[in-house]
N, C-alpha and C. Protein backbone atom coordinates (compact mmCIF):
# COMPACT_ATOMS: atom_id res chain seq x y z
N MET A 1 111.32 116.11 104.93
CA MET A 1 111.13 114.66 105.05
C MET A 1 109.66 114.29 105.23
N ILE A 2 108.93 115.10 106.00
CA ILE A 2 107.52 114.80 106.21
C ILE A 2 106.76 114.83 104.89
N ARG A 3 107.01 115.84 104.10
CA ARG A 3 106.32 115.93 102.80
C ARG A 3 106.66 114.75 101.90
N SER A 4 107.93 114.35 101.91
CA SER A 4 108.34 113.25 101.04
C SER A 4 107.63 111.95 101.42
N GLN A 5 107.43 111.73 102.70
CA GLN A 5 106.73 110.52 103.14
C GLN A 5 105.24 110.59 102.84
N ILE A 6 104.67 111.78 102.98
CA ILE A 6 103.24 111.93 102.68
C ILE A 6 102.98 111.73 101.19
N LYS A 7 103.94 112.16 100.36
CA LYS A 7 103.79 111.93 98.92
C LYS A 7 103.78 110.45 98.58
N LYS A 8 104.37 109.65 99.48
CA LYS A 8 104.37 108.20 99.29
C LYS A 8 103.13 107.55 99.92
N CYS A 9 102.18 108.42 100.32
CA CYS A 9 100.92 107.96 100.93
C CYS A 9 101.09 107.45 102.35
N PHE A 10 102.17 107.89 103.03
CA PHE A 10 102.33 107.60 104.44
C PHE A 10 101.85 108.80 105.26
N HIS A 11 101.89 108.66 106.60
CA HIS A 11 101.39 109.71 107.47
C HIS A 11 102.38 109.99 108.59
N ALA A 12 102.16 111.13 109.28
CA ALA A 12 103.14 111.59 110.26
C ALA A 12 102.47 112.09 111.54
N PHE A 13 103.21 111.94 112.65
CA PHE A 13 102.87 112.57 113.92
C PHE A 13 103.81 113.74 114.14
N ILE A 14 103.31 114.83 114.70
CA ILE A 14 104.15 115.91 115.21
C ILE A 14 103.73 116.13 116.66
N VAL A 15 104.67 115.95 117.58
CA VAL A 15 104.34 115.91 119.01
C VAL A 15 104.95 117.11 119.73
N TYR A 16 104.16 117.71 120.60
CA TYR A 16 104.59 118.85 121.42
C TYR A 16 104.39 118.54 122.90
N PRO A 17 105.16 119.19 123.77
CA PRO A 17 105.10 118.84 125.19
C PRO A 17 103.99 119.50 125.99
N LEU A 18 103.33 120.53 125.47
CA LEU A 18 102.28 121.19 126.22
C LEU A 18 100.98 121.21 125.44
N ILE A 19 99.89 121.51 126.13
CA ILE A 19 98.59 121.66 125.47
C ILE A 19 98.37 123.11 125.06
N GLU A 20 98.49 124.03 125.99
CA GLU A 20 98.26 125.44 125.70
C GLU A 20 99.47 126.25 126.15
N GLY A 21 99.98 127.08 125.29
CA GLY A 21 101.16 127.88 125.61
C GLY A 21 100.82 129.12 126.39
N GLU A 22 101.73 129.53 127.25
CA GLU A 22 101.62 130.79 127.98
C GLU A 22 102.79 131.67 127.56
N GLU A 23 102.67 132.96 127.80
CA GLU A 23 103.70 133.89 127.35
C GLU A 23 105.05 133.59 128.00
N ASP A 24 105.04 133.06 129.20
CA ASP A 24 106.29 132.82 129.89
C ASP A 24 106.82 131.41 129.67
N GLU A 25 106.17 130.62 128.82
CA GLU A 25 106.67 129.28 128.54
C GLU A 25 107.80 129.34 127.54
N ASP A 26 108.78 128.45 127.67
CA ASP A 26 109.92 128.48 126.76
C ASP A 26 109.83 127.39 125.70
N TYR A 27 108.72 126.73 125.61
CA TYR A 27 108.51 125.81 124.50
C TYR A 27 107.04 125.82 124.07
N THR A 28 106.78 125.37 122.85
CA THR A 28 105.52 125.69 122.19
C THR A 28 104.44 124.65 122.42
N ALA A 29 103.19 125.10 122.49
CA ALA A 29 102.08 124.21 122.75
C ALA A 29 101.49 123.66 121.47
N ALA A 30 100.89 122.47 121.60
CA ALA A 30 100.33 121.80 120.42
C ALA A 30 99.20 122.59 119.78
N VAL A 31 98.35 123.18 120.60
CA VAL A 31 97.21 123.92 120.04
C VAL A 31 97.68 125.10 119.21
N ASN A 32 98.61 125.86 119.74
CA ASN A 32 99.14 127.02 119.01
C ASN A 32 99.84 126.58 117.74
N GLU A 33 100.64 125.54 117.82
CA GLU A 33 101.40 125.10 116.66
C GLU A 33 100.52 124.47 115.59
N TYR A 34 99.44 123.84 116.02
CA TYR A 34 98.49 123.29 115.05
C TYR A 34 97.97 124.39 114.14
N GLU A 35 97.64 125.53 114.73
CA GLU A 35 97.15 126.65 113.93
C GLU A 35 98.23 127.15 112.98
N ARG A 36 99.44 127.29 113.47
CA ARG A 36 100.53 127.80 112.64
C ARG A 36 100.87 126.84 111.51
N LEU A 37 100.98 125.55 111.83
CA LEU A 37 101.32 124.56 110.81
C LEU A 37 100.24 124.49 109.73
N SER A 38 98.98 124.56 110.16
CA SER A 38 97.86 124.47 109.20
C SER A 38 97.84 125.65 108.24
N LYS A 39 98.22 126.84 108.74
CA LYS A 39 98.10 128.05 107.93
C LYS A 39 99.36 128.38 107.12
N THR A 40 100.54 128.07 107.69
CA THR A 40 101.76 128.57 107.05
C THR A 40 102.71 127.49 106.53
N ILE A 41 102.75 126.33 107.17
CA ILE A 41 103.73 125.30 106.79
C ILE A 41 103.11 124.23 105.90
N PHE A 42 101.94 123.75 106.29
CA PHE A 42 101.28 122.68 105.51
C PHE A 42 99.86 123.09 105.12
N PRO A 43 99.68 124.25 104.48
CA PRO A 43 98.31 124.67 104.15
C PRO A 43 97.63 123.76 103.13
N ASP A 44 98.41 123.00 102.39
CA ASP A 44 97.86 122.12 101.37
C ASP A 44 97.59 120.71 101.87
N LEU A 45 97.92 120.45 103.15
CA LEU A 45 97.72 119.12 103.72
C LEU A 45 96.60 119.14 104.76
N LYS A 46 96.16 117.96 105.14
CA LYS A 46 95.08 117.85 106.12
C LYS A 46 95.68 117.48 107.48
N LEU A 47 95.47 118.35 108.46
CA LEU A 47 96.02 118.16 109.79
C LEU A 47 94.93 117.91 110.82
N GLY A 48 95.20 116.98 111.74
CA GLY A 48 94.31 116.75 112.87
C GLY A 48 94.99 117.18 114.15
N LEU A 49 94.22 117.34 115.22
CA LEU A 49 94.75 117.78 116.51
C LEU A 49 94.27 116.85 117.61
N MET A 50 95.21 116.41 118.45
CA MET A 50 94.88 115.52 119.56
C MET A 50 95.58 116.02 120.82
N HIS A 51 94.81 116.13 121.92
CA HIS A 51 95.41 116.49 123.20
C HIS A 51 94.54 115.97 124.34
N GLY A 52 95.08 116.05 125.53
CA GLY A 52 94.44 115.44 126.68
C GLY A 52 93.15 116.10 127.14
N LYS A 53 92.87 117.32 126.69
CA LYS A 53 91.65 117.99 127.12
C LYS A 53 90.43 117.61 126.28
N LEU A 54 90.65 116.84 125.23
CA LEU A 54 89.52 116.35 124.45
C LEU A 54 88.77 115.29 125.24
N LYS A 55 87.49 115.21 125.05
CA LYS A 55 86.71 114.15 125.68
C LYS A 55 87.03 112.82 125.02
N PRO A 56 86.85 111.70 125.73
CA PRO A 56 87.17 110.39 125.15
C PRO A 56 86.54 110.16 123.78
N ALA A 57 85.29 110.55 123.62
CA ALA A 57 84.63 110.34 122.33
C ALA A 57 85.29 111.18 121.24
N GLU A 58 85.73 112.39 121.60
CA GLU A 58 86.40 113.25 120.63
C GLU A 58 87.76 112.67 120.24
N LYS A 59 88.49 112.12 121.22
CA LYS A 59 89.77 111.48 120.93
C LYS A 59 89.59 110.30 119.98
N ASP A 60 88.57 109.49 120.27
CA ASP A 60 88.31 108.33 119.42
C ASP A 60 87.99 108.77 117.99
N LYS A 61 87.24 109.85 117.88
CA LYS A 61 86.85 110.34 116.56
C LYS A 61 88.08 110.82 115.77
N VAL A 62 88.97 111.55 116.45
CA VAL A 62 90.19 112.03 115.79
C VAL A 62 91.07 110.87 115.36
N MET A 63 91.27 109.89 116.26
CA MET A 63 92.14 108.77 115.94
C MET A 63 91.56 107.92 114.82
N GLN A 64 90.26 107.77 114.80
CA GLN A 64 89.65 106.99 113.73
C GLN A 64 89.81 107.70 112.39
N ALA A 65 89.67 109.02 112.39
CA ALA A 65 89.87 109.79 111.16
C ALA A 65 91.31 109.67 110.67
N PHE A 66 92.27 109.69 111.61
CA PHE A 66 93.68 109.54 111.22
C PHE A 66 93.93 108.13 110.69
N ARG A 67 93.33 107.14 111.34
CA ARG A 67 93.48 105.75 110.90
C ARG A 67 92.86 105.55 109.52
N ASP A 68 91.77 106.27 109.25
CA ASP A 68 91.10 106.17 107.95
C ASP A 68 91.76 107.05 106.89
N GLN A 69 92.88 107.69 107.26
CA GLN A 69 93.67 108.52 106.35
C GLN A 69 92.93 109.79 105.94
N ASP A 70 92.06 110.27 106.81
CA ASP A 70 91.42 111.56 106.56
C ASP A 70 92.39 112.71 106.86
N TYR A 71 93.43 112.43 107.70
CA TYR A 71 94.46 113.42 107.99
C TYR A 71 95.79 112.91 107.44
N ASP A 72 96.62 113.86 106.99
CA ASP A 72 97.99 113.51 106.59
C ASP A 72 98.93 113.55 107.80
N ILE A 73 98.66 114.51 108.69
CA ILE A 73 99.51 114.73 109.87
C ILE A 73 98.63 114.85 111.10
N LEU A 74 99.04 114.22 112.19
CA LEU A 74 98.35 114.40 113.46
C LEU A 74 99.26 115.19 114.40
N VAL A 75 98.85 116.39 114.76
CA VAL A 75 99.56 117.22 115.74
C VAL A 75 99.03 116.84 117.11
N SER A 76 99.93 116.52 118.03
CA SER A 76 99.47 115.93 119.28
C SER A 76 100.38 116.27 120.45
N THR A 77 99.84 116.13 121.64
CA THR A 77 100.66 116.11 122.86
C THR A 77 101.02 114.65 123.12
N THR A 78 101.50 114.35 124.31
CA THR A 78 101.94 112.99 124.63
C THR A 78 100.79 112.03 124.85
N VAL A 79 99.56 112.47 124.59
CA VAL A 79 98.41 111.59 124.74
C VAL A 79 98.51 110.37 123.82
N ILE A 80 99.33 110.46 122.77
CA ILE A 80 99.50 109.31 121.86
C ILE A 80 100.59 108.36 122.33
N GLU A 81 101.14 108.61 123.52
CA GLU A 81 102.29 107.84 124.00
C GLU A 81 102.04 106.34 124.01
N VAL A 82 100.87 105.92 124.39
CA VAL A 82 100.55 104.50 124.44
C VAL A 82 99.17 104.26 123.83
N GLY A 83 98.94 103.02 123.40
CA GLY A 83 97.61 102.62 122.95
C GLY A 83 97.20 103.13 121.60
N VAL A 84 98.15 103.59 120.80
CA VAL A 84 97.84 104.12 119.47
C VAL A 84 98.53 103.26 118.42
N ASP A 85 97.77 102.71 117.51
CA ASP A 85 98.32 101.84 116.48
C ASP A 85 97.86 102.33 115.10
N ILE A 86 98.75 103.03 114.41
CA ILE A 86 98.46 103.54 113.07
C ILE A 86 99.54 102.99 112.14
N PRO A 87 99.33 101.83 111.55
CA PRO A 87 100.39 101.20 110.74
C PRO A 87 100.90 102.06 109.60
N ASN A 88 100.06 102.96 109.09
CA ASN A 88 100.47 103.76 107.94
C ASN A 88 101.31 104.98 108.33
N ALA A 89 101.46 105.24 109.63
CA ALA A 89 102.29 106.35 110.10
C ALA A 89 103.74 105.89 110.20
N VAL A 90 104.63 106.55 109.47
CA VAL A 90 106.03 106.11 109.43
C VAL A 90 107.01 107.17 109.93
N ILE A 91 106.50 108.33 110.32
CA ILE A 91 107.41 109.37 110.79
C ILE A 91 106.80 110.11 111.97
N VAL A 92 107.60 110.32 113.03
CA VAL A 92 107.16 111.11 114.17
C VAL A 92 108.23 112.16 114.44
N LEU A 93 107.81 113.41 114.48
CA LEU A 93 108.69 114.52 114.79
C LEU A 93 108.32 115.03 116.17
N ILE A 94 109.29 115.09 117.08
CA ILE A 94 109.04 115.49 118.46
C ILE A 94 109.73 116.82 118.73
N GLU A 95 108.93 117.87 118.85
CA GLU A 95 109.45 119.20 119.16
C GLU A 95 109.73 119.31 120.66
N GLY A 96 110.74 120.11 121.01
CA GLY A 96 111.07 120.26 122.42
C GLY A 96 111.46 118.95 123.05
N ALA A 97 112.19 118.12 122.30
CA ALA A 97 112.49 116.76 122.77
C ALA A 97 113.28 116.75 124.07
N ASP A 98 114.03 117.82 124.34
CA ASP A 98 114.81 117.86 125.57
C ASP A 98 113.93 118.03 126.81
N HIS A 99 112.64 118.31 126.63
CA HIS A 99 111.73 118.42 127.76
C HIS A 99 111.09 117.07 128.11
N PHE A 100 111.39 116.04 127.34
CA PHE A 100 110.83 114.71 127.58
C PHE A 100 111.89 113.81 128.22
N GLY A 101 111.43 112.85 128.99
CA GLY A 101 112.32 111.80 129.47
C GLY A 101 112.60 110.82 128.34
N LEU A 102 113.72 110.11 128.44
CA LEU A 102 114.08 109.15 127.39
C LEU A 102 113.07 108.02 127.30
N ALA A 103 112.58 107.55 128.43
CA ALA A 103 111.59 106.47 128.40
C ALA A 103 110.32 106.94 127.68
N GLN A 104 109.94 108.20 127.91
CA GLN A 104 108.76 108.73 127.25
C GLN A 104 109.00 108.89 125.75
N LEU A 105 110.19 109.38 125.38
CA LEU A 105 110.53 109.48 123.96
C LEU A 105 110.50 108.10 123.29
N HIS A 106 110.97 107.11 124.02
CA HIS A 106 110.98 105.74 123.49
C HIS A 106 109.55 105.25 123.23
N GLN A 107 108.64 105.60 124.15
CA GLN A 107 107.24 105.21 123.97
C GLN A 107 106.64 105.90 122.76
N ILE A 108 106.93 107.19 122.62
CA ILE A 108 106.38 107.93 121.47
C ILE A 108 106.97 107.41 120.17
N ARG A 109 108.26 107.10 120.19
CA ARG A 109 108.91 106.53 119.00
C ARG A 109 108.22 105.24 118.57
N GLY A 110 107.67 104.53 119.53
CA GLY A 110 106.99 103.27 119.23
C GLY A 110 105.69 103.44 118.48
N ARG A 111 105.23 104.69 118.27
CA ARG A 111 104.00 104.90 117.50
C ARG A 111 104.24 104.71 116.01
N VAL A 112 105.51 104.71 115.59
CA VAL A 112 105.82 104.44 114.18
C VAL A 112 106.67 103.16 114.12
N GLY A 113 106.91 102.69 112.90
CA GLY A 113 107.66 101.45 112.75
C GLY A 113 106.84 100.23 113.08
N ARG A 114 105.55 100.33 112.91
CA ARG A 114 104.65 99.23 113.27
C ARG A 114 104.28 98.36 112.07
N ASN A 115 105.00 98.56 110.96
CA ASN A 115 104.85 97.68 109.81
C ASN A 115 106.23 97.46 109.20
N SER A 116 106.31 96.94 108.02
CA SER A 116 107.60 96.61 107.41
C SER A 116 108.25 97.79 106.70
N ASP A 117 107.58 98.95 106.65
CA ASP A 117 108.13 100.12 105.96
C ASP A 117 109.15 100.84 106.84
N GLU A 118 110.13 101.46 106.20
CA GLU A 118 111.13 102.22 106.93
C GLU A 118 110.47 103.38 107.66
N SER A 119 110.83 103.57 108.92
CA SER A 119 110.21 104.62 109.72
C SER A 119 111.27 105.53 110.33
N PHE A 120 110.82 106.71 110.76
CA PHE A 120 111.75 107.73 111.23
C PHE A 120 111.22 108.40 112.49
N CYS A 121 112.14 108.71 113.41
CA CYS A 121 111.82 109.49 114.61
C CYS A 121 112.78 110.67 114.64
N LEU A 122 112.24 111.89 114.56
CA LEU A 122 113.05 113.10 114.52
C LEU A 122 112.91 113.83 115.85
N LEU A 123 114.03 114.07 116.54
CA LEU A 123 114.02 114.76 117.82
C LEU A 123 114.55 116.18 117.64
N ILE A 124 113.74 117.17 117.98
CA ILE A 124 114.12 118.57 117.82
C ILE A 124 114.24 119.20 119.22
N PRO A 125 115.46 119.42 119.72
CA PRO A 125 115.62 120.05 121.04
C PRO A 125 115.35 121.55 120.97
N GLU A 126 115.06 122.14 122.13
CA GLU A 126 114.77 123.57 122.19
C GLU A 126 116.03 124.42 122.07
N ASP A 127 117.17 123.92 122.54
CA ASP A 127 118.37 124.73 122.49
C ASP A 127 119.56 123.84 122.19
N GLU A 128 120.76 124.42 122.25
CA GLU A 128 121.99 123.70 121.91
C GLU A 128 122.73 123.22 123.14
N CYS A 129 122.02 122.96 124.21
CA CYS A 129 122.65 122.49 125.44
C CYS A 129 123.37 121.16 125.19
N GLY A 130 124.68 121.16 125.40
CA GLY A 130 125.46 119.96 125.11
C GLY A 130 125.05 118.75 125.92
N ILE A 131 124.75 118.95 127.21
CA ILE A 131 124.38 117.83 128.08
C ILE A 131 123.05 117.22 127.63
N GLU A 132 122.08 118.09 127.34
CA GLU A 132 120.78 117.59 126.90
C GLU A 132 120.87 116.87 125.56
N ASN A 133 121.63 117.43 124.64
CA ASN A 133 121.74 116.79 123.33
C ASN A 133 122.52 115.48 123.42
N GLU A 134 123.46 115.41 124.34
CA GLU A 134 124.16 114.14 124.57
C GLU A 134 123.18 113.10 125.10
N ARG A 135 122.28 113.54 125.98
CA ARG A 135 121.25 112.62 126.51
C ARG A 135 120.37 112.11 125.38
N LEU A 136 119.99 112.98 124.46
CA LEU A 136 119.13 112.57 123.36
C LEU A 136 119.83 111.62 122.40
N GLN A 137 121.17 111.69 122.34
CA GLN A 137 121.91 110.78 121.48
C GLN A 137 121.71 109.32 121.89
N ALA A 138 121.34 109.12 123.15
CA ALA A 138 121.09 107.75 123.62
C ALA A 138 119.95 107.11 122.85
N MET A 139 119.03 107.92 122.33
CA MET A 139 117.93 107.39 121.54
C MET A 139 118.42 106.79 120.23
N VAL A 140 119.54 107.29 119.75
CA VAL A 140 120.12 106.75 118.52
C VAL A 140 120.84 105.44 118.80
N ARG A 141 121.47 105.38 119.97
CA ARG A 141 122.30 104.22 120.28
C ARG A 141 121.49 103.01 120.76
N SER A 142 120.34 103.26 121.37
CA SER A 142 119.64 102.15 122.03
C SER A 142 118.15 102.15 121.70
N ASN A 143 117.61 100.95 121.61
CA ASN A 143 116.17 100.76 121.44
C ASN A 143 115.59 99.97 122.62
N ASP A 144 116.36 99.95 123.71
CA ASP A 144 115.98 99.21 124.91
C ASP A 144 115.37 100.18 125.91
N GLY A 145 114.08 100.03 126.19
CA GLY A 145 113.38 100.95 127.08
C GLY A 145 113.96 100.98 128.48
N PHE A 146 114.36 99.81 129.02
CA PHE A 146 114.93 99.76 130.37
C PHE A 146 116.27 100.48 130.42
N GLU A 147 117.09 100.29 129.42
CA GLU A 147 118.38 100.97 129.37
C GLU A 147 118.19 102.49 129.29
N LEU A 148 117.25 102.92 128.48
CA LEU A 148 117.00 104.36 128.33
C LEU A 148 116.47 104.96 129.63
N ALA A 149 115.60 104.24 130.32
CA ALA A 149 115.09 104.72 131.60
C ALA A 149 116.21 104.85 132.62
N ASP A 150 117.13 103.90 132.62
CA ASP A 150 118.26 103.94 133.55
C ASP A 150 119.17 105.12 133.23
N LEU A 151 119.42 105.37 131.94
CA LEU A 151 120.23 106.51 131.54
C LEU A 151 119.56 107.82 131.94
N ASP A 152 118.26 107.89 131.79
CA ASP A 152 117.54 109.11 132.14
C ASP A 152 117.64 109.39 133.63
N LEU A 153 117.63 108.33 134.42
CA LEU A 153 117.78 108.49 135.87
C LEU A 153 119.11 109.14 136.20
N LYS A 154 120.15 108.74 135.47
CA LYS A 154 121.47 109.30 135.72
C LYS A 154 121.58 110.74 135.23
N TYR A 155 120.96 111.05 134.09
CA TYR A 155 121.06 112.38 133.51
C TYR A 155 120.14 113.39 134.21
N ARG A 156 118.90 112.99 134.46
CA ARG A 156 117.89 113.95 134.91
C ARG A 156 117.56 113.84 136.39
N GLY A 157 118.02 112.77 137.04
CA GLY A 157 117.72 112.60 138.44
C GLY A 157 116.38 111.92 138.67
N PRO A 158 116.13 111.46 139.88
CA PRO A 158 114.92 110.68 140.17
C PRO A 158 113.69 111.52 140.47
N GLY A 159 113.86 112.85 140.57
CA GLY A 159 112.73 113.66 141.01
C GLY A 159 112.57 113.55 142.52
N GLU A 160 111.37 113.73 142.99
CA GLU A 160 111.11 113.71 144.42
C GLU A 160 110.36 112.44 144.81
N PHE A 161 110.92 111.71 145.76
CA PHE A 161 110.24 110.51 146.24
C PHE A 161 109.00 110.88 147.07
N LEU A 162 109.08 112.02 147.77
CA LEU A 162 107.98 112.43 148.63
C LEU A 162 107.30 113.69 148.12
N GLY A 163 107.54 114.04 146.86
CA GLY A 163 106.94 115.24 146.26
C GLY A 163 106.33 114.92 144.92
N THR A 164 106.24 115.95 144.06
CA THR A 164 105.55 115.79 142.78
C THR A 164 106.47 115.89 141.58
N ARG A 165 107.70 116.38 141.76
CA ARG A 165 108.60 116.52 140.62
C ARG A 165 109.02 115.15 140.09
N GLN A 166 108.93 114.97 138.77
CA GLN A 166 109.25 113.69 138.16
C GLN A 166 110.69 113.61 137.67
N SER A 167 111.44 114.69 137.78
CA SER A 167 112.86 114.66 137.42
C SER A 167 113.57 115.70 138.26
N GLY A 168 114.90 115.70 138.19
CA GLY A 168 115.69 116.63 138.98
C GLY A 168 116.35 115.93 140.15
N PHE A 169 117.39 116.57 140.67
CA PHE A 169 118.15 116.01 141.78
C PHE A 169 117.77 116.73 143.06
N VAL A 170 117.39 115.98 144.05
CA VAL A 170 117.01 116.57 145.32
C VAL A 170 118.25 116.84 146.16
N ALA A 171 118.10 117.76 147.12
CA ALA A 171 119.25 118.10 147.95
C ALA A 171 119.72 116.91 148.77
N LEU A 172 118.78 116.09 149.24
CA LEU A 172 119.13 114.90 150.00
C LEU A 172 119.19 113.72 149.05
N ARG A 173 120.35 113.11 148.89
CA ARG A 173 120.50 112.00 147.96
C ARG A 173 120.11 110.69 148.62
N PHE A 174 119.44 109.85 147.86
CA PHE A 174 119.03 108.54 148.34
C PHE A 174 119.94 107.47 147.76
N ALA A 175 120.33 106.52 148.58
CA ALA A 175 121.13 105.40 148.09
C ALA A 175 120.22 104.32 147.55
N ASN A 176 120.82 103.37 146.88
CA ASN A 176 120.06 102.23 146.39
C ASN A 176 119.71 101.34 147.58
N ILE A 177 118.42 101.18 147.86
CA ILE A 177 118.01 100.44 149.06
C ILE A 177 118.33 98.95 148.96
N THR A 178 118.77 98.49 147.81
CA THR A 178 119.15 97.08 147.68
C THR A 178 120.65 96.87 147.88
N ASP A 179 121.40 97.96 148.08
CA ASP A 179 122.85 97.85 148.28
C ASP A 179 123.12 97.58 149.75
N LEU A 180 122.95 96.33 150.15
CA LEU A 180 123.06 95.95 151.56
C LEU A 180 124.44 96.19 152.16
N PRO A 181 125.55 95.89 151.45
CA PRO A 181 126.87 96.16 152.02
C PRO A 181 127.06 97.64 152.37
N MET A 182 126.61 98.55 151.50
CA MET A 182 126.76 99.97 151.78
C MET A 182 125.88 100.38 152.95
N ILE A 183 124.67 99.84 153.02
CA ILE A 183 123.78 100.16 154.14
C ILE A 183 124.38 99.70 155.46
N GLU A 184 125.02 98.55 155.43
CA GLU A 184 125.65 98.05 156.66
C GLU A 184 126.82 98.93 157.08
N ARG A 185 127.61 99.38 156.10
CA ARG A 185 128.74 100.26 156.43
C ARG A 185 128.25 101.58 157.02
N CYS A 186 127.17 102.10 156.43
CA CYS A 186 126.60 103.36 156.94
C CYS A 186 126.07 103.18 158.36
N ARG A 187 125.44 102.07 158.61
CA ARG A 187 124.90 101.80 159.94
C ARG A 187 126.03 101.72 160.97
N ASN A 188 127.10 101.01 160.61
CA ASN A 188 128.24 100.88 161.54
C ASN A 188 128.88 102.23 161.82
N GLN A 189 128.99 103.06 160.76
CA GLN A 189 129.59 104.38 160.94
C GLN A 189 128.71 105.26 161.81
N ALA A 190 127.40 105.17 161.62
CA ALA A 190 126.48 105.97 162.44
C ALA A 190 126.56 105.55 163.90
N GLN A 191 126.66 104.26 164.17
CA GLN A 191 126.78 103.78 165.55
C GLN A 191 128.08 104.26 166.18
N LYS A 192 129.14 104.27 165.39
CA LYS A 192 130.44 104.73 165.89
C LYS A 192 130.38 106.20 166.27
N ILE A 193 129.76 107.02 165.40
CA ILE A 193 129.65 108.45 165.68
C ILE A 193 128.78 108.68 166.91
N PHE A 194 127.68 107.95 167.03
CA PHE A 194 126.78 108.12 168.17
C PHE A 194 127.48 107.80 169.49
N LEU A 195 128.32 106.76 169.50
CA LEU A 195 129.03 106.39 170.71
C LEU A 195 130.11 107.42 171.06
N GLU A 196 130.72 107.98 170.03
CA GLU A 196 131.82 108.92 170.24
C GLU A 196 131.33 110.32 170.60
N ASP A 197 130.28 110.79 169.92
CA ASP A 197 129.83 112.17 170.11
C ASP A 197 128.34 112.27 169.79
N PRO A 198 127.48 111.83 170.71
CA PRO A 198 126.03 111.77 170.41
C PRO A 198 125.41 113.13 170.12
N ASP A 199 125.99 114.22 170.63
CA ASP A 199 125.44 115.56 170.40
C ASP A 199 126.10 116.28 169.23
N LEU A 200 127.06 115.60 168.58
CA LEU A 200 127.76 116.18 167.42
C LEU A 200 128.37 117.54 167.75
N ASN A 201 129.07 117.58 168.90
CA ASN A 201 129.70 118.83 169.32
C ASN A 201 131.10 119.00 168.76
N LYS A 202 131.75 117.91 168.39
CA LYS A 202 133.13 118.00 167.92
C LYS A 202 133.20 118.70 166.56
N PRO A 203 134.27 119.46 166.34
CA PRO A 203 134.40 120.19 165.06
C PRO A 203 134.28 119.31 163.83
N LYS A 204 134.81 118.09 163.90
CA LYS A 204 134.79 117.24 162.71
C LYS A 204 133.39 116.77 162.33
N TYR A 205 132.43 116.95 163.26
CA TYR A 205 131.06 116.53 162.95
C TYR A 205 130.11 117.72 162.70
N GLN A 206 130.67 118.92 162.57
CA GLN A 206 129.82 120.09 162.41
C GLN A 206 129.07 120.09 161.06
N LEU A 207 129.71 119.62 160.00
CA LEU A 207 129.03 119.56 158.71
C LEU A 207 127.86 118.58 158.76
N LEU A 208 128.09 117.45 159.44
CA LEU A 208 127.02 116.47 159.60
C LEU A 208 125.88 117.08 160.42
N TYR A 209 126.23 117.83 161.45
CA TYR A 209 125.22 118.47 162.28
C TYR A 209 124.37 119.46 161.46
N GLN A 210 125.03 120.24 160.61
CA GLN A 210 124.32 121.21 159.79
C GLN A 210 123.38 120.54 158.80
N GLU A 211 123.81 119.41 158.23
CA GLU A 211 122.95 118.68 157.29
C GLU A 211 121.72 118.11 157.99
N LEU A 212 121.92 117.60 159.20
CA LEU A 212 120.79 117.07 159.96
C LEU A 212 119.78 118.17 160.29
N LYS A 213 120.28 119.35 160.69
CA LYS A 213 119.39 120.46 161.01
C LYS A 213 118.68 120.98 159.76
N LEU A 214 119.35 120.88 158.61
CA LEU A 214 118.76 121.36 157.37
C LEU A 214 117.58 120.49 156.94
N HIS A 215 117.77 119.17 157.01
CA HIS A 215 116.74 118.25 156.52
C HIS A 215 115.72 117.86 157.57
N TRP A 216 116.12 117.87 158.86
CA TRP A 216 115.19 117.51 159.93
C TRP A 216 115.27 118.56 161.04
N PRO A 217 114.81 119.78 160.76
CA PRO A 217 114.93 120.87 161.77
C PRO A 217 114.14 120.58 163.04
N GLN A 218 113.16 119.69 162.96
CA GLN A 218 112.34 119.41 164.14
C GLN A 218 113.08 118.54 165.16
N ILE A 219 114.19 117.90 164.74
CA ILE A 219 114.93 117.01 165.64
C ILE A 219 115.87 117.83 166.52
N LYS A 220 115.78 117.66 167.81
CA LYS A 220 116.67 118.36 168.76
C LYS A 220 117.84 117.42 169.10
N ILE A 221 119.01 117.81 168.62
CA ILE A 221 120.19 116.95 168.86
C ILE A 221 120.83 117.32 170.18
N ASN A 222 120.87 118.63 170.50
CA ASN A 222 121.43 119.05 171.80
C ASN A 222 120.68 120.27 172.30
């Protein structure tokens, strides 16, 4: 498909999730793939490379060359996620798509379809994981960034509120802080337990006691 669009004088993005690959990484880096694509897949085409380690002036130079149609394909990391307007680019292929959040995929998809020509976004997952591929199907069903972000929260988790992970489910679950009726019920239940057994000695409260010690070991309950 990429070749067919280039033959029509259009251009393409190929996006990878990393800058430099390591031997223990399970998905491929843009720098490594740029070399492979240039030598073995598209040796007859002109490829450019864009990633976050380039200096601002170098990034501007690459983007201007792509805009001027000096490149047929731009191999890139997610640095093109925002602020890139190439009207002649009509196809974006995203490798390792299951490593991206849906909101991020939606942003990258927005790099094409910026004119009246038919455009394409191709998502290539790393494996055949049913759950991940079901998550990616949401990109087909919806073009609403807020809806996709909400779906991603359900599929991938919120990450850490007090840490650095941007996805995943933490051991301690957080409720929606705007759900006032639930917060009130929890408060009433906590007051009831405190009045009945403040030291959590009763057998029925042992699981609660263990959870408290797990998450707040510094608190002395008894």
